[in-house]
Each structure stands twice: as structure tokens, then as C-alpha cells.
Amino acid sequence: MKEKQAKKMIERHQSLADKYSKQLEKKRLSERKRKQLEQLRDENLEWVQDYERVIEDPSHAEIIKQKHVDNSIFTKMGKGMESTGGKMQSAGKGMVKGGLHATGAVWTPVIYLGYQGIKHARKKPKNESVEQDLIELIKEVEQAHKDGKITEEQKREYIIDFVDNYYKK
């Protein structure tokens, strides 16, 4: 970070701190609003001190960069989401421990029957006989030929290939 940039940032944060100080001089402020303004003023004064250190020692710029990352809205959101996820995970573990045995007894037969149904459906042939498969292939090939997707020669090759390799089995 260059000295010119650091001076510009000092001016910016100092003006913000002054602005918050002026707002604090008002008499009709709630306690919550007063604390917020004091916190904002103090944060800006802290930034001013950090940038003054950068002017004195340019290696301090790395610390400033890290501070920007730590104070980033995205970093704060990530930390919040991480803590919420941890709380949800611990709550979920408790729920699973408590309800696993009861729900396992109820859901296991349903899951097993669903699995068996899918397994059976996959093993079942598309058609009951090889002749029906041949008829279906011929219909599909003729439709593809009408749509212009395959040529007359390709149509013959598909049918001959099916008859030679699958129909005779």
C-alpha cells in the first residue's frame, strides 16, 4: 500500500469518526443508538491508527489487508453460517439418537419394499417377447427414416444387426 493511499484512508476514516462524534453530541439519543455510534467512532479511529502505522512502516500493510478480510461482510456471514450449521448439526444428532430406533422400525419395511419394487422393475424386460422388441425396433427405425435422421441403408443395418445378434438367442 502506498503512502498516498494510506493518507487518503486516514482522511476518510477520520471524517467518519468526526461525523459519529457530532451525532453523539445530540442529547436525544437512545442508549442503544449511543452505543452503536460510539462503536462506529472507535472502529474508525482504530483504522486511522492502523493507516498511520502503514505510513511509518509499510510492512504493516499486510496486517491491514488481513484485517479487511476479517471484517468483510462475507467473512462475517460465513462465520455466522458455520456456527448455525454447527448448532443444527448438534441438534440433528440429538434428534437422530432419540428417534432413530422408533423411526427405523416404521420406515425400514417401506424402504425395503420400495427397493424390491425398483429392483424388480429393472430386471423386467421392456417387452414380454423378443418378437415385440423386433416390432418396436422396426417402428422406431421407420420413424427415424421418415424424419430424415437415418438413411435407407442404415435402417436395414439396424434391423439386420438386431436379427443376427439378439433375435436368434
C-alpha atoms as a PDB file:
ATOM      1  CA  MET A   1       0.000   0.000   0.000  1.00  0.00           C
ATOM      2  CA  LYS A   2       1.336   3.370  -0.966  1.00  0.00           C
ATOM      3  CA  GLU A   3       1.663   6.312   1.381  1.00  0.00           C
ATOM      4  CA  LYS A   4      -0.759   8.339  -0.724  1.00  0.00           C
ATOM      5  CA  GLN A   5      -3.450   5.660  -0.393  1.00  0.00           C
ATOM      6  CA  ALA A   6      -2.856   5.403   3.335  1.00  0.00           C
ATOM      7  CA  LYS A   7      -3.267   9.175   3.769  1.00  0.00           C
ATOM      8  CA  LYS A   8      -6.487   9.082   1.782  1.00  0.00           C
ATOM      9  CA  MET A   9      -7.825   6.294   4.001  1.00  0.00           C
ATOM     10  CA  ILE A  10      -6.794   8.214   7.124  1.00  0.00           C
ATOM     11  CA  GLU A  11      -8.804  11.217   5.925  1.00  0.00           C
ATOM     12  CA  ARG A  12     -11.802   9.051   5.133  1.00  0.00           C
ATOM     13  CA  HIS A  13     -11.868   7.256   8.479  1.00  0.00           C
ATOM     14  CA  GLN A  14     -11.135  10.449  10.422  1.00  0.00           C
ATOM     15  CA  SER A  15     -14.059  12.213   8.757  1.00  0.00           C
ATOM     16  CA  LEU A  16     -16.332   9.279   9.581  1.00  0.00           C
ATOM     17  CA  ALA A  17     -15.149   9.304  13.201  1.00  0.00           C
ATOM     18  CA  ASP A  18     -15.825  13.075  13.379  1.00  0.00           C
ATOM     19  CA  LYS A  19     -19.278  12.559  11.900  1.00  0.00           C
ATOM     20  CA  TYR A  20     -20.128   9.957  14.540  1.00  0.00           C
ATOM     21  CA  SER A  21     -18.735  12.210  17.285  1.00  0.00           C
ATOM     22  CA  LYS A  22     -21.032  15.057  16.155  1.00  0.00           C
ATOM     23  CA  GLN A  23     -24.003  12.708  16.197  1.00  0.00           C
ATOM     24  CA  LEU A  24     -23.079  11.649  19.741  1.00  0.00           C
ATOM     25  CA  GLU A  25     -23.317  15.290  20.890  1.00  0.00           C
ATOM     26  CA  LYS A  26     -27.073  15.236  20.351  1.00  0.00           C
ATOM     27  CA  LYS A  27     -28.999  14.997  23.581  1.00  0.00           C
ATOM     28  CA  ARG A  28     -31.932  12.886  22.437  1.00  0.00           C
ATOM     29  CA  LEU A  29     -30.307   9.551  21.661  1.00  0.00           C
ATOM     30  CA  SER A  30     -31.388   6.175  22.908  1.00  0.00           C
ATOM     31  CA  GLU A  31     -28.840   4.153  24.830  1.00  0.00           C
ATOM     32  CA  ARG A  32     -28.677   1.579  22.031  1.00  0.00           C
ATOM     33  CA  LYS A  33     -28.090   4.250  19.357  1.00  0.00           C
ATOM     34  CA  ARG A  34     -25.433   5.911  21.529  1.00  0.00           C
ATOM     35  CA  LYS A  35     -23.542   2.612  21.893  1.00  0.00           C
ATOM     36  CA  GLN A  36     -23.725   1.982  18.145  1.00  0.00           C
ATOM     37  CA  LEU A  37     -22.330   5.431  17.356  1.00  0.00           C
ATOM     38  CA  GLU A  38     -19.542   5.040  19.931  1.00  0.00           C
ATOM     39  CA  GLN A  39     -18.619   1.674  18.470  1.00  0.00           C
ATOM     40  CA  LEU A  40     -18.536   3.064  14.912  1.00  0.00           C
ATOM     41  CA  ARG A  41     -16.451   6.071  16.025  1.00  0.00           C
ATOM     42  CA  ASP A  42     -13.976   3.821  17.864  1.00  0.00           C
ATOM     43  CA  GLU A  43     -13.659   1.462  14.886  1.00  0.00           C
ATOM     44  CA  ASN A  44     -12.876   4.353  12.551  1.00  0.00           C
ATOM     45  CA  LEU A  45     -10.319   5.810  14.960  1.00  0.00           C
ATOM     46  CA  GLU A  46      -8.712   2.377  15.133  1.00  0.00           C
ATOM     47  CA  TRP A  47      -8.491   2.325  11.311  1.00  0.00           C
ATOM     48  CA  VAL A  48      -6.866   5.767  11.399  1.00  0.00           C
ATOM     49  CA  GLN A  49      -4.188   4.442  13.779  1.00  0.00           C
ATOM     50  CA  ASP A  50      -3.623   1.394  11.572  1.00  0.00           C
ATOM     51  CA  TYR A  51      -3.101   3.512   8.458  1.00  0.00           C
ATOM     52  CA  GLU A  52      -0.751   5.817  10.351  1.00  0.00           C
ATOM     53  CA  ARG A  53       1.320   2.726  11.213  1.00  0.00           C
ATOM     54  CA  VAL A  54       1.377   1.859   7.493  1.00  0.00           C
ATOM     55  CA  ILE A  55       2.892   5.250   6.732  1.00  0.00           C
ATOM     56  CA  GLU A  56       5.568   4.659   9.390  1.00  0.00           C
ATOM     57  CA  ASP A  57       6.168   1.006   8.479  1.00  0.00           C
ATOM     58  CA  PRO A  58       4.984  -0.232   5.030  1.00  0.00           C
ATOM     59  CA  SER A  59       5.177  -3.870   6.169  1.00  0.00           C
ATOM     60  CA  HIS A  60       2.150  -3.159   8.376  1.00  0.00           C
ATOM     61  CA  ALA A  61       0.061  -3.116   5.152  1.00  0.00           C
ATOM     62  CA  GLU A  62      -0.222  -6.919   5.272  1.00  0.00           C
ATOM     63  CA  ILE A  63      -1.853  -6.692   8.696  1.00  0.00           C
ATOM     64  CA  ILE A  64      -4.320  -4.161   7.290  1.00  0.00           C
ATOM     65  CA  LYS A  65      -5.193  -6.489   4.401  1.00  0.00           C
ATOM     66  CA  GLN A  66      -5.882  -9.326   6.816  1.00  0.00           C
ATOM     67  CA  LYS A  67      -7.995  -7.006   8.946  1.00  0.00           C
ATOM     68  CA  HIS A  68     -10.046  -6.096   5.862  1.00  0.00           C
ATOM     69  CA  VAL A  69     -10.614  -9.774   5.151  1.00  0.00           C
ATOM     70  CA  ASP A  70     -11.586 -10.468   8.756  1.00  0.00           C
ATOM     71  CA  ASN A  71     -14.008  -7.524   8.813  1.00  0.00           C
ATOM     72  CA  SER A  72     -15.516  -8.376   5.423  1.00  0.00           C
ATOM     73  CA  ILE A  73     -19.268  -8.913   5.334  1.00  0.00           C
ATOM     74  CA  PHE A  74     -18.686 -12.229   3.564  1.00  0.00           C
ATOM     75  CA  THR A  75     -16.336 -13.452   6.279  1.00  0.00           C
ATOM     76  CA  LYS A  76     -18.865 -12.487   8.923  1.00  0.00           C
ATOM     77  CA  MET A  77     -21.665 -14.216   7.011  1.00  0.00           C
ATOM     78  CA  GLY A  78     -19.552 -17.333   6.627  1.00  0.00           C
ATOM     79  CA  LYS A  79     -18.763 -17.457  10.322  1.00  0.00           C
ATOM     80  CA  GLY A  80     -22.434 -16.988  11.157  1.00  0.00           C
ATOM     81  CA  MET A  81     -23.463 -19.742   8.778  1.00  0.00           C
ATOM     82  CA  GLU A  82     -20.764 -22.002  10.171  1.00  0.00           C
ATOM     83  CA  SER A  83     -21.950 -21.529  13.751  1.00  0.00           C
ATOM     84  CA  THR A  84     -25.596 -22.009  12.726  1.00  0.00           C
ATOM     85  CA  GLY A  85     -24.638 -25.175  10.859  1.00  0.00           C
ATOM     86  CA  GLY A  86     -22.802 -26.475  13.912  1.00  0.00           C
ATOM     87  CA  LYS A  87     -25.827 -25.832  16.109  1.00  0.00           C
ATOM     88  CA  MET A  88     -28.127 -27.537  13.621  1.00  0.00           C
ATOM     89  CA  GLN A  89     -25.778 -30.481  13.353  1.00  0.00           C
ATOM     90  CA  SER A  90     -25.630 -30.987  17.106  1.00  0.00           C
ATOM     91  CA  ALA A  91     -29.425 -30.653  17.349  1.00  0.00           C
ATOM     92  CA  GLY A  92     -29.814 -33.115  14.485  1.00  0.00           C
ATOM     93  CA  LYS A  93     -27.543 -35.631  16.162  1.00  0.00           C
ATOM     94  CA  GLY A  94     -29.703 -35.499  19.284  1.00  0.00           C
ATOM     95  CA  MET A  95     -32.858 -35.935  17.252  1.00  0.00           C
ATOM     96  CA  VAL A  96     -31.385 -38.842  15.344  1.00  0.00           C
ATOM     97  CA  LYS A  97     -30.236 -40.578  18.502  1.00  0.00           C
ATOM     98  CA  GLY A  98     -33.641 -40.183  20.115  1.00  0.00           C
ATOM     99  CA  GLY A  99     -35.778 -41.071  17.134  1.00  0.00           C
ATOM    100  CA  LEU A 100     -33.663 -43.493  15.167  1.00  0.00           C
ATOM    101  CA  HIS A 101     -34.914 -46.640  16.817  1.00  0.00           C
ATOM    102  CA  ALA A 102     -38.591 -45.630  16.647  1.00  0.00           C
ATOM    103  CA  THR A 103     -38.496 -44.380  13.061  1.00  0.00           C
ATOM    104  CA  GLY A 104     -36.302 -47.262  11.938  1.00  0.00           C
ATOM    105  CA  ALA A 105     -38.989 -49.719  12.973  1.00  0.00           C
ATOM    106  CA  VAL A 106     -41.596 -47.796  10.969  1.00  0.00           C
ATOM    107  CA  TRP A 107     -39.633 -46.839   7.857  1.00  0.00           C
ATOM    108  CA  THR A 108     -37.466 -49.904   7.301  1.00  0.00           C
ATOM    109  CA  PRO A 109     -40.234 -52.080   5.805  1.00  0.00           C
ATOM    110  CA  VAL A 110     -41.351 -49.254   3.480  1.00  0.00           C
ATOM    111  CA  ILE A 111     -37.811 -48.591   2.273  1.00  0.00           C
ATOM    112  CA  TYR A 112     -37.171 -52.299   1.753  1.00  0.00           C
ATOM    113  CA  LEU A 113     -40.378 -52.782  -0.246  1.00  0.00           C
ATOM    114  CA  GLY A 114     -39.556 -49.744  -2.391  1.00  0.00           C
ATOM    115  CA  TYR A 115     -36.082 -51.113  -3.032  1.00  0.00           C
ATOM    116  CA  GLN A 116     -37.502 -54.507  -4.039  1.00  0.00           C
ATOM    117  CA  GLY A 117     -40.003 -52.856  -6.383  1.00  0.00           C
ATOM    118  CA  ILE A 118     -37.282 -50.865  -8.150  1.00  0.00           C
ATOM    119  CA  LYS A 119     -35.063 -53.935  -8.334  1.00  0.00           C
ATOM    120  CA  HIS A 120     -37.868 -55.976  -9.892  1.00  0.00           C
ATOM    121  CA  ALA A 121     -38.736 -53.204 -12.377  1.00  0.00           C
ATOM    122  CA  ARG A 122     -35.141 -53.045 -13.576  1.00  0.00           C
ATOM    123  CA  LYS A 123     -34.941 -56.798 -14.134  1.00  0.00           C
ATOM    124  CA  LYS A 124     -38.225 -56.936 -16.035  1.00  0.00           C
ATOM    125  CA  PRO A 125     -37.665 -56.832 -19.810  1.00  0.00           C
ATOM    126  CA  LYS A 126     -39.122 -53.938 -21.757  1.00  0.00           C
ATOM    127  CA  ASN A 127     -41.387 -56.241 -23.690  1.00  0.00           C
ATOM    128  CA  GLU A 128     -42.572 -59.733 -22.949  1.00  0.00           C
ATOM    129  CA  SER A 129     -41.040 -61.306 -26.037  1.00  0.00           C
ATOM    130  CA  VAL A 130     -38.208 -60.827 -28.486  1.00  0.00           C
ATOM    131  CA  GLU A 131     -40.752 -60.549 -31.310  1.00  0.00           C
ATOM    132  CA  GLN A 132     -42.265 -57.481 -29.647  1.00  0.00           C
ATOM    133  CA  ASP A 133     -38.775 -55.990 -29.345  1.00  0.00           C
ATOM    134  CA  LEU A 134     -38.240 -56.572 -33.079  1.00  0.00           C
ATOM    135  CA  ILE A 135     -41.576 -54.955 -33.967  1.00  0.00           C
ATOM    136  CA  GLU A 136     -40.779 -51.959 -31.775  1.00  0.00           C
ATOM    137  CA  LEU A 137     -37.312 -51.608 -33.343  1.00  0.00           C
ATOM    138  CA  ILE A 138     -38.790 -51.675 -36.846  1.00  0.00           C
ATOM    139  CA  LYS A 139     -41.310 -48.944 -35.913  1.00  0.00           C
ATOM    140  CA  GLU A 140     -38.581 -46.753 -34.413  1.00  0.00           C
ATOM    141  CA  VAL A 141     -36.265 -47.223 -37.394  1.00  0.00           C
ATOM    142  CA  GLU A 142     -39.035 -46.423 -39.884  1.00  0.00           C
ATOM    143  CA  GLN A 143     -39.949 -43.279 -37.950  1.00  0.00           C
ATOM    144  CA  ALA A 144     -36.287 -42.182 -37.845  1.00  0.00           C
ATOM    145  CA  HIS A 145     -36.055 -42.773 -41.615  1.00  0.00           C
ATOM    146  CA  LYS A 146     -39.209 -40.688 -42.219  1.00  0.00           C
ATOM    147  CA  ASP A 147     -37.770 -37.881 -40.064  1.00  0.00           C
ATOM    148  CA  GLY A 148     -34.579 -37.973 -42.124  1.00  0.00           C
ATOM    149  CA  LYS A 149     -32.359 -38.955 -39.238  1.00  0.00           C
ATOM    150  CA  ILE A 150     -31.061 -42.140 -40.876  1.00  0.00           C
ATOM    151  CA  THR A 151     -30.722 -43.420 -44.431  1.00  0.00           C
ATOM    152  CA  GLU A 152     -32.370 -46.465 -46.022  1.00  0.00           C
ATOM    153  CA  GLU A 153     -29.072 -48.370 -45.724  1.00  0.00           C
ATOM    154  CA  GLN A 154     -28.723 -47.571 -42.002  1.00  0.00           C
ATOM    155  CA  LYS A 155     -32.307 -48.690 -41.459  1.00  0.00           C
ATOM    156  CA  ARG A 156     -31.516 -52.113 -42.987  1.00  0.00           C
ATOM    157  CA  GLU A 157     -28.278 -52.413 -40.964  1.00  0.00           C
ATOM    158  CA  TYR A 158     -30.082 -51.782 -37.656  1.00  0.00           C
ATOM    159  CA  ILE A 159     -32.715 -54.431 -38.379  1.00  0.00           C
ATOM    160  CA  ILE A 160     -30.202 -56.994 -39.664  1.00  0.00           C
ATOM    161  CA  ASP A 161     -27.920 -56.392 -36.661  1.00  0.00           C
ATOM    162  CA  PHE A 162     -30.814 -56.931 -34.250  1.00  0.00           C
ATOM    163  CA  VAL A 163     -31.962 -60.111 -36.007  1.00  0.00           C
ATOM    164  CA  ASP A 164     -28.452 -61.569 -36.225  1.00  0.00           C
ATOM    165  CA  ASN A 165     -27.320 -60.739 -32.685  1.00  0.00           C
ATOM    166  CA  TYR A 166     -30.401 -60.675 -30.473  1.00  0.00           C
ATOM    167  CA  TYR A 167     -33.389 -62.300 -32.170  1.00  0.00           C
ATOM    168  CA  LYS A 168     -31.729 -65.700 -32.636  1.00  0.00           C
ATOM    169  CA  LYS A 169     -30.818 -66.070 -28.959  1.00  0.00           C
END
